[in-house]
Amino acid sequence: MARRCEVCGKGPVVGRNVSHAHNVTRRRFEANIQTVRAIVNGGVKRLRVCTRCIRSNRITKAA
């Protein structure tokens, strides 16, 4: 399953690990995705949302 936020679309970003010996390898920076019960169109639905969207109240959590 894709690690992508269903609200803002944030996903993985590529970069590099660089060691002290300057050995360079590729890596992925994964978005911090959490499964949350949210209210969507008056009903409760499970969404995969990044923590930035949860913290900035872009979703309404279901009780």
C-alpha atoms as a PDB file:
ATOM      1  CA  MET A   1       0.000   0.000   0.000  1.00  0.00           C
ATOM      2  CA  ALA A   2       1.294   3.435  -0.929  1.00  0.00           C
ATOM      3  CA  ARG A   3       2.601   5.601   1.900  1.00  0.00           C
ATOM      4  CA  ARG A   4       0.714   8.673   0.778  1.00  0.00           C
ATOM      5  CA  CYS A   5      -1.528  11.048   2.718  1.00  0.00           C
ATOM      6  CA  GLU A   6      -5.153  10.946   1.510  1.00  0.00           C
ATOM      7  CA  VAL A   7      -5.672  14.619   2.423  1.00  0.00           C
ATOM      8  CA  CYS A   8      -2.607  16.529   1.183  1.00  0.00           C
ATOM      9  CA  GLY A   9      -0.965  13.893  -1.030  1.00  0.00           C
ATOM     10  CA  LYS A  10       2.365  13.932   0.792  1.00  0.00           C
ATOM     11  CA  GLY A  11       4.437  10.852  -0.038  1.00  0.00           C
ATOM     12  CA  PRO A  12       7.995   9.510   0.075  1.00  0.00           C
ATOM     13  CA  VAL A  13      10.922  11.686  -0.982  1.00  0.00           C
ATOM     14  CA  VAL A  14      14.277  10.320  -2.144  1.00  0.00           C
ATOM     15  CA  GLY A  15      17.647  11.378  -0.804  1.00  0.00           C
ATOM     16  CA  ARG A  16      21.041  10.001   0.129  1.00  0.00           C
ATOM     17  CA  ASN A  17      22.781   8.644   3.221  1.00  0.00           C
ATOM     18  CA  VAL A  18      26.291  10.050   3.529  1.00  0.00           C
ATOM     19  CA  SER A  19      28.631   8.326   5.999  1.00  0.00           C
ATOM     20  CA  HIS A  20      31.682   9.821   7.700  1.00  0.00           C
ATOM     21  CA  ALA A  21      33.785   8.061   5.050  1.00  0.00           C
ATOM     22  CA  HIS A  22      31.557   9.794   2.473  1.00  0.00           C
ATOM     23  CA  ASN A  23      30.066   6.525   1.224  1.00  0.00           C
ATOM     24  CA  VAL A  24      26.861   7.590  -0.508  1.00  0.00           C
ATOM     25  CA  THR A  25      23.795   5.336  -0.754  1.00  0.00           C
ATOM     26  CA  ARG A  26      20.236   6.094  -1.796  1.00  0.00           C
ATOM     27  CA  ARG A  27      17.427   6.218   0.763  1.00  0.00           C
ATOM     28  CA  ARG A  28      13.768   7.173   1.095  1.00  0.00           C
ATOM     29  CA  PHE A  29      12.279   9.676   3.528  1.00  0.00           C
ATOM     30  CA  GLU A  30       8.849   8.224   4.347  1.00  0.00           C
ATOM     31  CA  ALA A  31       5.933  10.437   5.346  1.00  0.00           C
ATOM     32  CA  ASN A  32       4.619   9.787   8.876  1.00  0.00           C
ATOM     33  CA  ILE A  33       1.278   8.213   7.904  1.00  0.00           C
ATOM     34  CA  GLN A  34      -1.272   7.230  10.553  1.00  0.00           C
ATOM     35  CA  THR A  35      -4.626   5.454  10.146  1.00  0.00           C
ATOM     36  CA  VAL A  36      -7.336   7.667  11.639  1.00  0.00           C
ATOM     37  CA  ARG A  37     -11.108   7.405  11.967  1.00  0.00           C
ATOM     38  CA  ALA A  38     -12.369  10.684  10.540  1.00  0.00           C
ATOM     39  CA  ILE A  39     -15.740  12.218   9.752  1.00  0.00           C
ATOM     40  CA  VAL A  40     -16.184  12.503   5.972  1.00  0.00           C
ATOM     41  CA  ASN A  41     -19.476  13.718   4.445  1.00  0.00           C
ATOM     42  CA  GLY A  42     -21.338  13.080   7.710  1.00  0.00           C
ATOM     43  CA  GLY A  43     -20.094   9.495   8.069  1.00  0.00           C
ATOM     44  CA  VAL A  44     -17.101   7.832   9.687  1.00  0.00           C
ATOM     45  CA  LYS A  45     -14.326   6.595   7.410  1.00  0.00           C
ATOM     46  CA  ARG A  46     -10.799   5.289   7.987  1.00  0.00           C
ATOM     47  CA  LEU A  47      -8.201   7.531   6.350  1.00  0.00           C
ATOM     48  CA  ARG A  48      -4.438   7.260   6.009  1.00  0.00           C
ATOM     49  CA  VAL A  49      -3.317  10.758   6.950  1.00  0.00           C
ATOM     50  CA  CYS A  50       0.048  12.393   7.661  1.00  0.00           C
ATOM     51  CA  THR A  51       0.644  13.781  11.139  1.00  0.00           C
ATOM     52  CA  ARG A  52       0.923  17.331   9.787  1.00  0.00           C
ATOM     53  CA  CYS A  53      -2.703  17.158   8.592  1.00  0.00           C
ATOM     54  CA  ILE A  54      -3.835  15.693  11.933  1.00  0.00           C
ATOM     55  CA  ARG A  55      -2.045  18.400  13.897  1.00  0.00           C
ATOM     56  CA  SER A  56      -3.317  21.280  11.755  1.00  0.00           C
ATOM     57  CA  ASN A  57      -6.969  20.089  12.058  1.00  0.00           C
ATOM     58  CA  ARG A  58      -7.400  19.436   8.346  1.00  0.00           C
ATOM     59  CA  ILE A  59      -9.535  16.427   9.343  1.00  0.00           C
ATOM     60  CA  THR A  60     -12.194  16.011  12.025  1.00  0.00           C
ATOM     61  CA  LYS A  61     -11.494  12.956  14.167  1.00  0.00           C
ATOM     62  CA  ALA A  62     -14.393  10.663  14.988  1.00  0.00           C
ATOM     63  CA  ALA A  63     -14.991   9.785  18.634  1.00  0.00           C
END
